[in-house]
Amino acid sequence: MLMAEFFISGFNIILPDVSRALSIPSGSQTWPASVFSLVTGAFLLPLGRVADIYGAYWVFTGGLVWFCVWNLVCGFVGDYRVLIVARALGGLGPAAFLPSTVMLVGKTYRPGPRKNLVFGLYCAFAPIGFFLGIIVGGTVTQLLTWRWYFWLGSVVLGLTCVMGFLTVPNDCEETRRENKGIRMDWWGVGTIVPGLMLLNFAITDGAHAPLGWKTPYIIATAVVGVVFLGAAFYVEGWVAEQPLLPFDLFQPKYMGRLTVSLFFAYGVFGIFLFYASLQ
């Protein structure tokens, strides 16, 4: 959790230096910052289902290793297009280890004060990682180079990978035995993931396209993205036998209001963080 937030907040701090070093055009500066969170958010549900089917241990440790490798690559890139690709691929790491972490903690600890403490620590390290990323990002750009932001983070992730392999309990056999009937919702994956990706692409690139929101490819991707998300709504509600996003998730009182408020809060927050770093 700490490193996932570290690589979101701190990157916005080093972005001006990265843009100068790699000659990133102003219209493309949004992508290295936003593509990481976009990929992570789009693949959380599918990779969470993979953990349900095969066990959380290998999804957790594999996600950590994957995340470490691609952040190490980011520290060596010499072209901004490669940086965007590396940041996008790195986003698959948190999409794998964030949901599997919750599964592992839920299985490992019995209900009680100790389990509450562990979940409290897990949540607390989100803001700690967020502010640590800002501090480290500002420090390395002043004293070293922006590349050390990725290298230092990769060192911490490498140590975490080793500790994860050695200490995290392997639940794969137990999970495969208990969840034998769980299957991947491929219709959900095929509608939710492209819908989120296309609509977010249109929103992100619309301000920098040649004709703004009137640019044909912006209109096309926005429309197709909405169509995919509409199809996802129908699939998850009436077609999928084991939906990735079941509707009964929103049945508890105030869950719908909470979801809407979180949507607006994080949407505004991400925009503020990006533009504040460019001033």
Protein backbone atom coordinates (compact mmCIF):
# COMPACT_ATOMS: atom_id res chain seq x y z
CA MET A 1 0.00 0.00 0.00
CA LEU A 2 2.81 2.40 0.89
CA MET A 3 4.64 1.90 -2.40
CA ALA A 4 1.48 2.08 -4.50
CA GLU A 5 0.77 5.56 -3.12
CA PHE A 6 4.47 6.47 -3.23
CA PHE A 7 4.58 6.04 -7.01
CA ILE A 8 1.41 8.10 -7.51
CA SER A 9 2.11 11.20 -5.43
CA GLY A 10 5.87 11.49 -5.89
CA PHE A 11 5.73 11.20 -9.66
CA ASN A 12 3.73 14.41 -9.87
CA ILE A 13 6.54 16.14 -7.95
CA ILE A 14 9.29 14.94 -10.30
CA LEU A 15 7.16 15.42 -13.44
CA PRO A 16 8.55 18.89 -14.34
CA ASP A 17 12.13 17.52 -14.20
CA VAL A 18 11.13 14.39 -16.14
CA SER A 19 9.41 16.54 -18.78
CA ARG A 20 12.52 18.64 -19.30
CA ALA A 21 14.89 15.65 -19.32
CA LEU A 22 12.83 13.59 -21.78
CA SER A 23 11.42 16.55 -23.77
CA ILE A 24 7.81 15.56 -23.12
CA PRO A 25 5.38 17.77 -25.10
CA SER A 26 2.91 19.68 -22.93
CA GLY A 27 0.02 17.76 -24.47
CA SER A 28 1.53 14.44 -23.45
CA GLN A 29 2.54 15.26 -19.87
CA THR A 30 -0.75 13.97 -18.49
CA TRP A 31 -0.06 10.42 -19.63
CA PRO A 32 2.97 9.39 -17.56
CA ALA A 33 1.14 10.70 -14.49
CA SER A 34 -2.34 9.29 -15.18
CA VAL A 35 -1.77 6.03 -17.07
CA PHE A 36 -0.49 4.27 -13.94
CA SER A 37 -3.70 4.84 -11.95
CA LEU A 38 -5.82 4.17 -15.03
CA VAL A 39 -4.37 0.70 -15.60
CA THR A 40 -4.46 -0.13 -11.89
CA GLY A 41 -8.12 0.82 -11.58
CA ALA A 42 -9.16 -0.98 -14.76
CA PHE A 43 -7.57 -4.30 -13.79
CA LEU A 44 -8.36 -4.45 -10.05
CA LEU A 45 -11.51 -6.53 -10.53
CA PRO A 46 -10.11 -9.08 -13.04
CA LEU A 47 -6.92 -9.70 -11.04
CA GLY A 48 -8.93 -9.91 -7.83
CA ARG A 49 -10.95 -12.68 -9.46
CA VAL A 50 -7.72 -14.44 -10.49
CA ALA A 51 -6.75 -14.43 -6.80
CA ASP A 52 -10.17 -15.88 -5.95
CA ILE A 53 -9.61 -18.75 -8.37
CA TYR A 54 -5.93 -19.62 -7.93
CA GLY A 55 -5.05 -18.17 -4.54
CA ALA A 56 -3.82 -14.81 -3.35
CA TYR A 57 -0.19 -15.76 -2.59
CA TRP A 58 1.11 -15.95 -6.15
CA VAL A 59 -0.98 -12.98 -7.30
CA PHE A 60 0.39 -10.94 -4.38
CA THR A 61 4.06 -11.89 -4.78
CA GLY A 62 3.89 -11.86 -8.58
CA GLY A 63 2.35 -8.37 -8.51
CA LEU A 64 5.13 -7.13 -6.24
CA VAL A 65 7.87 -8.51 -8.51
CA TRP A 66 6.16 -7.12 -11.61
CA PHE A 67 5.79 -3.70 -9.97
CA CYS A 68 9.44 -3.69 -8.90
CA VAL A 69 10.74 -4.58 -12.37
CA TRP A 70 8.79 -1.91 -14.23
CA ASN A 71 9.62 0.85 -11.76
CA LEU A 72 13.28 -0.10 -12.13
CA VAL A 73 12.85 0.20 -15.91
CA CYS A 74 11.35 3.68 -15.45
CA GLY A 75 14.60 4.82 -13.83
CA PHE A 76 16.61 3.98 -16.97
CA VAL A 77 14.33 5.15 -19.81
CA GLY A 78 15.53 7.76 -22.27
CA ASP A 79 12.31 8.33 -24.21
CA TYR A 80 9.01 9.57 -22.81
CA ARG A 81 6.99 7.09 -24.89
CA VAL A 82 8.87 4.21 -23.25
CA LEU A 83 8.21 5.84 -19.87
CA ILE A 84 4.46 5.91 -20.57
CA VAL A 85 4.48 2.23 -21.54
CA ALA A 86 6.55 1.28 -18.49
CA ARG A 87 4.24 3.25 -16.17
CA ALA A 88 1.21 1.58 -17.75
CA LEU A 89 2.64 -1.92 -17.35
CA GLY A 90 3.73 -1.09 -13.80
CA GLY A 91 0.10 -0.30 -12.97
CA LEU A 92 -0.71 -4.00 -13.27
CA GLY A 93 1.39 -4.64 -10.14
CA PRO A 94 -0.85 -2.80 -7.64
CA ALA A 95 -3.91 -4.15 -9.47
CA ALA A 96 -2.62 -7.60 -8.50
CA PHE A 97 -1.26 -7.12 -4.98
CA LEU A 98 -3.81 -4.66 -3.54
CA PRO A 99 -6.89 -6.93 -3.64
CA SER A 100 -4.85 -10.04 -2.84
CA THR A 101 -3.44 -8.30 0.25
CA VAL A 102 -6.95 -7.86 1.63
CA MET A 103 -7.67 -11.53 0.93
CA LEU A 104 -4.49 -12.71 2.66
CA VAL A 105 -5.02 -10.55 5.75
CA GLY A 106 -8.64 -11.64 5.95
CA LYS A 107 -7.66 -15.32 5.85
CA THR A 108 -4.59 -15.15 8.08
CA TYR A 109 -6.00 -13.31 11.10
CA ARG A 110 -9.01 -14.36 13.17
CA PRO A 111 -11.66 -11.69 13.90
CA GLY A 112 -10.60 -9.62 16.88
CA PRO A 113 -8.35 -6.74 17.99
CA ARG A 114 -5.26 -8.08 16.21
CA LYS A 115 -7.04 -8.31 12.86
CA ASN A 116 -8.48 -4.81 13.36
CA LEU A 117 -4.97 -3.53 14.10
CA VAL A 118 -3.52 -5.11 10.97
CA PHE A 119 -6.24 -3.68 8.73
CA GLY A 120 -5.78 -0.31 10.45
CA LEU A 121 -2.05 -0.39 9.70
CA TYR A 122 -2.75 -1.41 6.12
CA CYS A 123 -5.03 1.59 5.61
CA ALA A 124 -2.72 3.96 7.52
CA PHE A 125 0.16 3.28 5.17
CA ALA A 126 -1.76 4.80 2.25
CA PRO A 127 -1.37 8.41 3.49
CA ILE A 128 2.11 7.59 4.82
CA GLY A 129 3.17 6.39 1.38
CA PHE A 130 1.49 9.36 -0.28
CA PHE A 131 3.42 11.95 1.75
CA LEU A 132 6.63 9.90 1.65
CA GLY A 133 6.44 9.98 -2.14
CA ILE A 134 6.14 13.77 -2.11
CA ILE A 135 9.08 14.14 0.30
CA VAL A 136 11.34 11.73 -1.61
CA GLY A 137 10.34 13.18 -4.98
CA GLY A 138 11.20 16.70 -3.85
CA THR A 139 14.45 15.61 -2.21
CA VAL A 140 15.87 13.63 -5.13
CA THR A 141 15.09 16.37 -7.66
CA GLN A 142 16.94 18.89 -5.49
CA LEU A 143 19.93 16.77 -4.47
CA LEU A 144 20.28 13.96 -7.05
CA THR A 145 18.24 13.24 -10.17
CA TRP A 146 14.63 12.23 -10.77
CA ARG A 147 15.82 8.72 -11.70
CA TRP A 148 16.68 8.05 -8.05
CA TYR A 149 13.00 8.35 -7.21
CA PHE A 150 12.39 5.12 -9.14
CA TRP A 151 15.60 3.44 -8.04
CA LEU A 152 15.03 4.05 -4.33
CA GLY A 153 11.44 2.85 -4.63
CA SER A 154 12.61 -0.26 -6.48
CA VAL A 155 15.06 -1.07 -3.67
CA VAL A 156 12.21 -0.97 -1.12
CA LEU A 157 10.02 -3.06 -3.42
CA GLY A 158 12.83 -5.59 -3.92
CA LEU A 159 13.18 -6.05 -0.16
CA THR A 160 9.40 -6.38 0.12
CA CYS A 161 9.42 -9.08 -2.58
CA VAL A 162 11.98 -11.13 -0.66
CA MET A 163 10.09 -10.73 2.61
CA GLY A 164 6.83 -11.63 0.88
CA PHE A 165 8.21 -14.88 -0.54
CA LEU A 166 9.64 -15.86 2.85
CA THR A 167 6.86 -14.84 5.25
CA VAL A 168 3.46 -14.61 3.54
CA PRO A 169 1.45 -17.84 3.98
CA ASN A 170 0.77 -19.73 0.75
CA ASP A 171 -2.99 -20.16 0.39
CA CYS A 172 -3.08 -21.49 -3.17
CA GLU A 173 -3.91 -25.15 -2.47
CA GLU A 174 -6.57 -24.22 0.06
CA THR A 175 -8.10 -21.63 -2.27
CA ARG A 176 -8.27 -23.99 -5.26
CA ARG A 177 -9.93 -26.60 -3.07
CA GLU A 178 -12.48 -24.24 -1.49
CA ASN A 179 -13.26 -22.11 -4.57
CA LYS A 180 -13.43 -24.88 -7.15
CA GLY A 181 -16.64 -23.51 -8.66
CA ILE A 182 -15.51 -19.90 -9.10
CA ARG A 183 -14.88 -18.83 -12.71
CA MET A 184 -13.65 -15.74 -14.48
CA ASP A 185 -16.34 -13.38 -15.77
CA TRP A 186 -14.90 -12.93 -19.25
CA TRP A 187 -17.89 -10.91 -20.47
CA GLY A 188 -17.32 -8.53 -17.58
CA VAL A 189 -13.60 -8.24 -18.35
CA GLY A 190 -14.33 -7.63 -22.02
CA THR A 191 -16.69 -4.76 -21.30
CA ILE A 192 -15.48 -3.13 -18.07
CA VAL A 193 -11.76 -2.87 -18.92
CA PRO A 194 -12.06 -1.37 -22.45
CA GLY A 195 -14.94 0.85 -21.31
CA LEU A 196 -12.88 2.38 -18.51
CA MET A 197 -9.77 2.69 -20.68
CA LEU A 198 -11.50 4.34 -23.66
CA LEU A 199 -13.62 6.77 -21.64
CA ASN A 200 -10.65 7.82 -19.49
CA PHE A 201 -8.52 8.25 -22.61
CA ALA A 202 -11.10 10.63 -24.06
CA ILE A 203 -11.39 12.63 -20.83
CA THR A 204 -7.62 12.81 -20.34
CA ASP A 205 -6.66 13.65 -23.93
CA GLY A 206 -9.67 15.82 -24.79
CA ALA A 207 -8.07 19.02 -23.48
CA HIS A 208 -4.91 18.50 -25.56
CA ALA A 209 -6.33 17.11 -28.81
CA PRO A 210 -5.97 19.30 -31.94
CA LEU A 211 -9.63 20.38 -31.92
CA GLY A 212 -10.30 19.73 -28.23
CA TRP A 213 -13.46 17.76 -27.55
CA LYS A 214 -14.49 18.23 -31.19
CA THR A 215 -11.58 16.07 -32.38
CA PRO A 216 -13.07 13.03 -34.15
CA TYR A 217 -11.01 10.41 -32.32
CA ILE A 218 -11.94 11.95 -28.94
CA ILE A 219 -15.64 11.79 -29.79
CA ALA A 220 -15.27 8.24 -31.08
CA THR A 221 -13.39 6.91 -28.05
CA ALA A 222 -15.78 8.63 -25.63
CA VAL A 223 -18.85 7.19 -27.37
CA VAL A 224 -17.39 3.70 -27.66
CA GLY A 225 -16.27 3.83 -24.01
CA VAL A 226 -19.79 4.76 -22.87
CA VAL A 227 -21.23 1.95 -25.02
CA PHE A 228 -18.85 -0.56 -23.43
CA LEU A 229 -19.75 0.62 -19.93
CA GLY A 230 -23.44 0.41 -20.79
CA ALA A 231 -22.87 -3.13 -22.00
CA ALA A 232 -20.97 -3.87 -18.78
CA PHE A 233 -23.96 -2.66 -16.74
CA TYR A 234 -26.25 -5.05 -18.62
CA VAL A 235 -23.78 -7.96 -18.48
CA GLU A 236 -23.07 -7.63 -14.77
CA GLY A 237 -26.74 -7.30 -13.89
CA TRP A 238 -28.43 -9.83 -16.13
CA VAL A 239 -25.97 -12.00 -18.08
CA ALA A 240 -22.96 -13.00 -15.96
CA GLU A 241 -23.47 -15.94 -13.59
CA GLN A 242 -20.58 -14.78 -11.40
CA PRO A 243 -20.23 -11.02 -12.10
CA LEU A 244 -17.06 -9.15 -11.28
CA LEU A 245 -19.18 -6.33 -9.87
CA PRO A 246 -22.41 -7.81 -8.44
CA PHE A 247 -25.25 -5.37 -7.95
CA ASP A 248 -25.94 -6.55 -4.40
CA LEU A 249 -22.67 -4.83 -3.43
CA PHE A 250 -24.64 -1.55 -3.48
CA GLN A 251 -27.61 -2.80 -1.45
CA PRO A 252 -26.30 -1.81 2.03
CA LYS A 253 -27.65 1.54 3.20
CA TYR A 254 -25.73 4.58 1.93
CA MET A 255 -23.35 2.48 -0.20
CA GLY A 256 -24.52 4.21 -3.37
CA ARG A 257 -24.03 7.67 -1.88
CA LEU A 258 -20.60 6.70 -0.61
CA THR A 259 -19.56 5.47 -4.07
CA VAL A 260 -20.68 8.70 -5.75
CA SER A 261 -18.91 10.87 -3.17
CA LEU A 262 -15.68 8.87 -3.56
CA PHE A 263 -15.93 9.21 -7.33
CA PHE A 264 -16.06 13.02 -7.15
CA ALA A 265 -13.49 13.26 -4.35
CA TYR A 266 -10.81 11.22 -6.10
CA GLY A 267 -11.61 12.72 -9.50
CA VAL A 268 -11.02 16.27 -8.28
CA PHE A 269 -8.03 15.22 -6.19
CA GLY A 270 -6.17 13.67 -9.13
CA ILE A 271 -6.70 16.73 -11.31
CA PHE A 272 -5.52 19.07 -8.56
CA LEU A 273 -2.41 16.99 -7.89
CA PHE A 274 -1.39 16.95 -11.56
CA TYR A 275 -1.88 20.65 -12.32
CA ALA A 276 -0.42 21.81 -8.99
CA SER A 277 2.86 20.09 -9.90
CA LEU A 278 3.16 22.06 -13.14
CA GLN A 279 2.86 25.52 -11.59
